[in-house]
């Protein structure tokens, strides 16, 4: 299924009450699973982002699957269209217990000019 990029007018606050915020992760069973994010925790952890090109998201305590490296952070727009918002950022060699930790993503909107030249 194709996904679109969020456009500039959605840059301000993508963690809105009417949006679903998810990524994917591999379960112990080997199945690719949906990992929903907690909106309030995500708003709180965003202040920990280290640069304007990175944002943070956090999932709820009942999630038992850690988000995968390389997975997409996507949000569902009010029109029921999946939109890619960022790509997982981090050092996969620094593995550890992932629960209750923020997950950092490269903000694709900061790279729209470059992305558009790659078509």
N, C-alpha and C. Protein backbone atom coordinates (compact mmCIF):
# COMPACT_ATOMS: atom_id res chain seq x y z
N UNK A 1 0.83 -1.17 0.00
CA UNK A 1 0.00 0.00 0.00
C UNK A 1 0.88 1.24 0.00
N UNK A 2 0.67 2.18 -0.92
CA UNK A 2 1.49 3.39 -0.96
C UNK A 2 1.20 4.29 0.23
N UNK A 3 2.18 5.08 0.59
CA UNK A 3 2.02 6.07 1.65
C UNK A 3 2.49 7.41 1.12
N UNK A 4 1.90 8.48 1.60
CA UNK A 4 2.30 9.82 1.17
C UNK A 4 3.11 10.49 2.27
N UNK A 5 3.74 11.60 1.92
CA UNK A 5 4.44 12.41 2.91
C UNK A 5 3.50 13.49 3.39
N UNK A 6 3.59 13.83 4.67
CA UNK A 6 2.79 14.94 5.17
C UNK A 6 3.29 16.22 4.53
N UNK A 7 2.39 17.13 4.23
CA UNK A 7 2.80 18.37 3.59
C UNK A 7 3.12 19.45 4.62
N UNK A 8 3.64 20.58 4.15
CA UNK A 8 4.13 21.65 5.02
C UNK A 8 3.09 22.19 5.99
N UNK A 9 1.83 22.29 5.56
CA UNK A 9 0.83 22.88 6.46
C UNK A 9 0.51 21.98 7.64
N UNK A 10 1.00 20.76 7.65
CA UNK A 10 0.79 19.84 8.77
C UNK A 10 2.02 19.79 9.68
N UNK A 11 3.00 20.64 9.42
CA UNK A 11 4.26 20.60 10.15
C UNK A 11 4.12 20.94 11.63
N UNK A 12 3.25 21.88 11.96
CA UNK A 12 3.19 22.40 13.32
C UNK A 12 2.97 21.32 14.38
N UNK A 13 1.87 20.60 14.31
CA UNK A 13 1.56 19.62 15.34
C UNK A 13 0.97 18.38 14.70
N UNK A 14 1.79 17.38 14.48
CA UNK A 14 1.30 16.16 13.84
C UNK A 14 0.75 15.17 14.86
N UNK A 15 0.91 15.44 16.14
CA UNK A 15 0.36 14.56 17.16
C UNK A 15 -0.97 15.16 17.60
N UNK A 16 -1.97 14.95 16.79
CA UNK A 16 -3.30 15.49 17.04
C UNK A 16 -4.22 14.39 17.53
N UNK A 17 -5.29 14.79 18.19
CA UNK A 17 -6.21 13.81 18.75
C UNK A 17 -6.90 12.95 17.70
N UNK A 18 -7.08 13.47 16.49
CA UNK A 18 -7.82 12.72 15.47
C UNK A 18 -6.92 11.86 14.59
N UNK A 19 -5.66 11.73 14.93
CA UNK A 19 -4.73 10.96 14.12
C UNK A 19 -4.27 9.70 14.85
N UNK A 20 -4.07 8.63 14.09
CA UNK A 20 -3.46 7.42 14.64
C UNK A 20 -1.97 7.49 14.37
N UNK A 21 -1.16 7.20 15.37
CA UNK A 21 0.29 7.28 15.24
C UNK A 21 0.85 5.89 15.53
N UNK A 22 1.48 5.29 14.53
CA UNK A 22 1.97 3.92 14.68
C UNK A 22 3.31 3.74 13.98
N UNK A 23 3.97 2.66 14.32
CA UNK A 23 5.13 2.16 13.59
C UNK A 23 4.99 0.64 13.58
N UNK A 24 6.03 -0.06 13.20
CA UNK A 24 5.98 -1.52 13.20
C UNK A 24 7.16 -2.08 13.98
N UNK A 25 7.02 -3.30 14.43
CA UNK A 25 8.09 -3.99 15.12
C UNK A 25 7.90 -5.49 14.97
N UNK A 26 8.99 -6.24 15.11
CA UNK A 26 8.92 -7.70 14.97
C UNK A 26 8.61 -8.32 16.31
N UNK A 27 7.53 -9.08 16.36
CA UNK A 27 7.15 -9.79 17.59
C UNK A 27 8.02 -11.03 17.76
N UNK A 28 8.02 -11.60 18.94
CA UNK A 28 8.78 -12.82 19.21
C UNK A 28 8.35 -13.93 18.27
N UNK A 29 7.10 -13.93 17.85
CA UNK A 29 6.58 -14.95 16.93
C UNK A 29 7.14 -14.80 15.52
N UNK A 30 7.83 -13.69 15.25
CA UNK A 30 8.36 -13.44 13.92
C UNK A 30 7.42 -12.64 13.03
N UNK A 31 6.27 -12.29 13.56
CA UNK A 31 5.30 -11.52 12.78
C UNK A 31 5.57 -10.03 12.92
N UNK A 32 5.38 -9.31 11.82
CA UNK A 32 5.48 -7.86 11.84
C UNK A 32 4.20 -7.33 12.49
N UNK A 33 4.36 -6.55 13.54
CA UNK A 33 3.21 -6.09 14.33
C UNK A 33 3.13 -4.58 14.33
N UNK A 34 1.94 -4.06 14.49
CA UNK A 34 1.72 -2.62 14.63
C UNK A 34 2.04 -2.21 16.06
N UNK A 35 2.79 -1.11 16.21
CA UNK A 35 3.12 -0.57 17.51
C UNK A 35 2.49 0.82 17.60
N UNK A 36 1.42 0.97 18.38
CA UNK A 36 0.79 2.29 18.51
C UNK A 36 1.56 3.17 19.49
N UNK A 37 1.57 4.46 19.20
CA UNK A 37 2.24 5.41 20.09
C UNK A 37 1.24 6.11 20.99
N UNK A 38 1.70 6.47 22.17
CA UNK A 38 0.91 7.23 23.13
C UNK A 38 1.10 8.72 22.81
N UNK A 39 0.03 9.41 22.52
CA UNK A 39 0.12 10.80 22.06
C UNK A 39 0.69 11.73 23.14
N UNK A 40 0.23 11.60 24.37
CA UNK A 40 0.72 12.50 25.41
C UNK A 40 2.19 12.24 25.71
N UNK A 41 2.59 10.97 25.83
CA UNK A 41 4.00 10.66 26.05
C UNK A 41 4.86 11.15 24.90
N UNK A 42 4.33 11.07 23.68
CA UNK A 42 5.08 11.53 22.51
C UNK A 42 5.27 13.04 22.54
N UNK A 43 4.25 13.77 22.95
CA UNK A 43 4.39 15.22 23.08
C UNK A 43 5.43 15.56 24.13
N UNK A 44 5.44 14.82 25.23
CA UNK A 44 6.39 15.08 26.31
C UNK A 44 7.82 14.74 25.92
N UNK A 45 8.02 13.66 25.18
CA UNK A 45 9.40 13.25 24.86
C UNK A 45 9.98 14.06 23.71
N UNK A 46 9.15 14.76 22.93
CA UNK A 46 9.66 15.54 21.81
C UNK A 46 10.62 16.62 22.26
N UNK A 47 10.48 17.08 23.49
CA UNK A 47 11.38 18.11 24.00
C UNK A 47 12.80 17.58 24.18
N UNK A 48 12.95 16.26 24.17
CA UNK A 48 14.28 15.65 24.31
C UNK A 48 15.01 15.51 22.98
N UNK A 49 14.36 15.84 21.87
CA UNK A 49 14.99 15.69 20.55
C UNK A 49 16.23 16.58 20.50
N UNK A 50 17.25 16.08 19.85
CA UNK A 50 18.55 16.75 19.86
C UNK A 50 18.74 17.78 18.76
N UNK A 51 17.89 17.81 17.76
CA UNK A 51 18.03 18.80 16.69
C UNK A 51 16.68 19.03 16.04
N UNK A 52 16.60 20.06 15.21
CA UNK A 52 15.35 20.35 14.51
C UNK A 52 15.03 19.32 13.45
N UNK A 53 15.99 18.46 13.11
CA UNK A 53 15.78 17.43 12.09
C UNK A 53 15.29 16.11 12.69
N UNK A 54 15.13 16.08 14.00
CA UNK A 54 14.75 14.85 14.69
C UNK A 54 13.55 15.13 15.60
N UNK A 55 12.63 14.17 15.68
CA UNK A 55 11.56 14.26 16.66
C UNK A 55 11.46 12.93 17.40
N UNK A 56 10.78 12.95 18.51
CA UNK A 56 10.68 11.78 19.37
C UNK A 56 9.22 11.33 19.47
N UNK A 57 9.02 10.04 19.60
CA UNK A 57 7.70 9.48 19.87
C UNK A 57 7.86 8.40 20.94
N UNK A 58 6.81 8.16 21.68
CA UNK A 58 6.87 7.18 22.76
C UNK A 58 5.59 6.36 22.75
N UNK A 59 5.71 5.09 23.06
CA UNK A 59 4.55 4.21 23.02
C UNK A 59 4.08 3.92 24.44
N UNK A 60 2.89 3.35 24.54
CA UNK A 60 2.28 3.13 25.85
C UNK A 60 2.93 1.95 26.58
N UNK A 61 2.67 1.85 27.86
CA UNK A 61 3.29 0.82 28.70
C UNK A 61 2.85 -0.59 28.35
N UNK A 62 1.71 -0.76 27.69
CA UNK A 62 1.22 -2.11 27.40
C UNK A 62 1.74 -2.69 26.09
N UNK A 63 2.64 -1.99 25.43
CA UNK A 63 3.22 -2.48 24.17
C UNK A 63 4.32 -3.47 24.49
N UNK A 64 4.27 -4.65 23.87
CA UNK A 64 5.26 -5.69 24.15
C UNK A 64 6.21 -5.93 22.99
N UNK A 65 6.10 -5.12 21.94
CA UNK A 65 6.96 -5.24 20.77
C UNK A 65 7.76 -3.95 20.65
N UNK A 66 9.08 -4.08 20.54
CA UNK A 66 9.91 -2.89 20.37
C UNK A 66 9.89 -2.46 18.90
N UNK A 67 9.81 -1.15 18.65
CA UNK A 67 9.85 -0.68 17.26
C UNK A 67 11.16 -1.09 16.59
N UNK A 68 11.07 -1.47 15.34
CA UNK A 68 12.22 -1.92 14.57
C UNK A 68 13.06 -0.75 14.09
N UNK A 69 14.35 -0.97 13.96
CA UNK A 69 15.19 0.02 13.28
C UNK A 69 14.84 -0.01 11.81
N UNK A 70 14.76 1.15 11.19
CA UNK A 70 14.44 1.22 9.78
C UNK A 70 12.95 1.26 9.51
N UNK A 71 12.13 1.05 10.54
CA UNK A 71 10.69 1.09 10.31
C UNK A 71 10.24 2.53 10.13
N UNK A 72 9.09 2.68 9.54
CA UNK A 72 8.56 4.00 9.27
C UNK A 72 7.66 4.46 10.41
N UNK A 73 7.74 5.71 10.74
CA UNK A 73 6.78 6.31 11.66
C UNK A 73 5.71 6.90 10.77
N UNK A 74 4.48 6.45 10.91
CA UNK A 74 3.42 6.91 10.02
C UNK A 74 2.28 7.47 10.84
N UNK A 75 1.51 8.32 10.24
CA UNK A 75 0.34 8.87 10.88
C UNK A 75 -0.82 8.80 9.91
N UNK A 76 -1.96 8.56 10.40
CA UNK A 76 -3.14 8.47 9.54
C UNK A 76 -3.83 9.82 9.54
N UNK A 77 -3.96 10.42 8.38
CA UNK A 77 -4.59 11.73 8.28
C UNK A 77 -6.08 11.61 8.48
N UNK A 78 -6.77 12.72 8.71
CA UNK A 78 -8.23 12.66 8.88
C UNK A 78 -8.94 12.09 7.65
N UNK A 79 -8.29 12.08 6.51
CA UNK A 79 -8.88 11.54 5.28
C UNK A 79 -8.61 10.04 5.14
N UNK A 80 -8.11 9.39 6.18
CA UNK A 80 -7.78 7.96 6.17
C UNK A 80 -6.69 7.61 5.16
N UNK A 81 -5.71 8.47 5.03
CA UNK A 81 -4.55 8.23 4.16
C UNK A 81 -3.33 8.08 5.08
N UNK A 82 -2.57 7.01 4.88
CA UNK A 82 -1.35 6.84 5.66
C UNK A 82 -0.27 7.76 5.11
N UNK A 83 0.39 8.47 6.00
CA UNK A 83 1.45 9.40 5.61
C UNK A 83 2.72 9.08 6.39
N UNK A 84 3.83 9.04 5.70
CA UNK A 84 5.13 8.82 6.34
C UNK A 84 5.56 10.14 6.96
N UNK A 85 5.95 10.10 8.21
CA UNK A 85 6.36 11.33 8.90
C UNK A 85 7.84 11.34 9.20
N UNK A 86 8.46 10.16 9.37
CA UNK A 86 9.87 10.12 9.69
C UNK A 86 10.42 8.71 9.57
N UNK A 87 11.74 8.62 9.57
CA UNK A 87 12.45 7.34 9.53
C UNK A 87 13.22 7.17 10.83
N UNK A 88 13.24 5.97 11.34
CA UNK A 88 13.89 5.68 12.62
C UNK A 88 15.34 6.12 12.60
N UNK A 89 15.73 6.80 13.65
CA UNK A 89 17.09 7.32 13.81
C UNK A 89 17.69 6.65 15.04
N UNK A 90 18.94 6.33 14.97
CA UNK A 90 19.59 5.76 16.14
C UNK A 90 20.73 4.85 15.76
N UNK A 91 21.36 4.33 16.76
CA UNK A 91 22.50 3.44 16.58
C UNK A 91 22.06 2.02 16.94
N UNK A 92 21.85 1.14 15.93
CA UNK A 92 21.38 -0.21 16.24
C UNK A 92 22.35 -1.03 17.07
N UNK A 93 23.61 -0.59 17.18
CA UNK A 93 24.56 -1.33 18.01
C UNK A 93 24.29 -1.09 19.50
N UNK A 94 23.56 -0.02 19.81
CA UNK A 94 23.23 0.29 21.21
C UNK A 94 21.88 -0.31 21.55
N UNK A 95 21.84 -1.62 21.54
CA UNK A 95 20.60 -2.33 21.84
C UNK A 95 20.42 -2.40 23.35
N UNK A 96 19.21 -2.48 23.74
CA UNK A 96 18.91 -2.59 25.16
C UNK A 96 17.43 -2.70 25.36
N UNK A 97 17.04 -2.63 26.58
CA UNK A 97 15.62 -2.71 26.92
C UNK A 97 14.92 -1.48 26.36
N UNK A 98 13.93 -1.68 25.52
CA UNK A 98 13.34 -0.54 24.81
C UNK A 98 12.09 0.02 25.46
N UNK A 99 11.55 -0.62 26.45
CA UNK A 99 10.28 -0.17 27.02
C UNK A 99 10.43 1.16 27.74
N UNK A 100 9.41 1.99 27.58
CA UNK A 100 9.34 3.31 28.20
C UNK A 100 10.47 4.24 27.76
N UNK A 101 11.01 4.01 26.60
CA UNK A 101 12.03 4.89 26.04
C UNK A 101 11.46 5.59 24.82
N UNK A 102 11.87 6.83 24.62
CA UNK A 102 11.47 7.54 23.42
C UNK A 102 12.16 6.94 22.20
N UNK A 103 11.51 7.01 21.07
CA UNK A 103 12.06 6.53 19.82
C UNK A 103 12.27 7.76 18.94
N UNK A 104 13.48 7.93 18.43
CA UNK A 104 13.79 9.12 17.65
C UNK A 104 13.68 8.84 16.16
N UNK A 105 13.17 9.82 15.44
CA UNK A 105 12.94 9.72 14.01
C UNK A 105 13.50 10.93 13.30
N UNK A 106 14.09 10.71 12.12
CA UNK A 106 14.50 11.81 11.25
C UNK A 106 13.25 12.41 10.65
N UNK A 107 13.11 13.72 10.76
CA UNK A 107 11.94 14.43 10.28
C UNK A 107 12.02 14.59 8.77
N UNK A 108 11.22 13.83 8.03
CA UNK A 108 11.27 13.87 6.57
C UNK A 108 10.88 15.23 6.00
N UNK A 109 10.07 15.99 6.72
CA UNK A 109 9.68 17.31 6.21
C UNK A 109 10.88 18.25 6.10
N UNK A 110 11.91 17.99 6.90
CA UNK A 110 13.12 18.82 6.82
C UNK A 110 13.94 18.51 5.57
N UNK A 111 13.60 17.43 4.88
CA UNK A 111 14.35 17.00 3.70
C UNK A 111 13.50 16.98 2.43
N UNK A 112 12.35 17.67 2.45
CA UNK A 112 11.44 17.65 1.30
C UNK A 112 12.09 18.15 0.01
N UNK A 113 12.89 19.20 0.09
CA UNK A 113 13.55 19.70 -1.13
C UNK A 113 14.43 18.61 -1.75
N UNK A 114 15.20 17.92 -0.93
CA UNK A 114 16.05 16.85 -1.44
C UNK A 114 15.20 15.69 -1.97
N UNK A 115 14.18 15.29 -1.24
CA UNK A 115 13.31 14.18 -1.66
C UNK A 115 12.70 14.47 -3.02
N UNK A 116 12.23 15.69 -3.23
CA UNK A 116 11.59 16.05 -4.50
C UNK A 116 12.57 15.98 -5.67
N UNK A 117 13.85 16.18 -5.43
CA UNK A 117 14.83 16.09 -6.52
C UNK A 117 15.17 14.65 -6.87
N UNK A 118 14.75 13.69 -6.05
CA UNK A 118 15.08 12.28 -6.27
C UNK A 118 14.06 11.54 -7.11
N UNK A 119 13.02 12.22 -7.57
CA UNK A 119 11.96 11.55 -8.33
C UNK A 119 12.39 11.17 -9.71
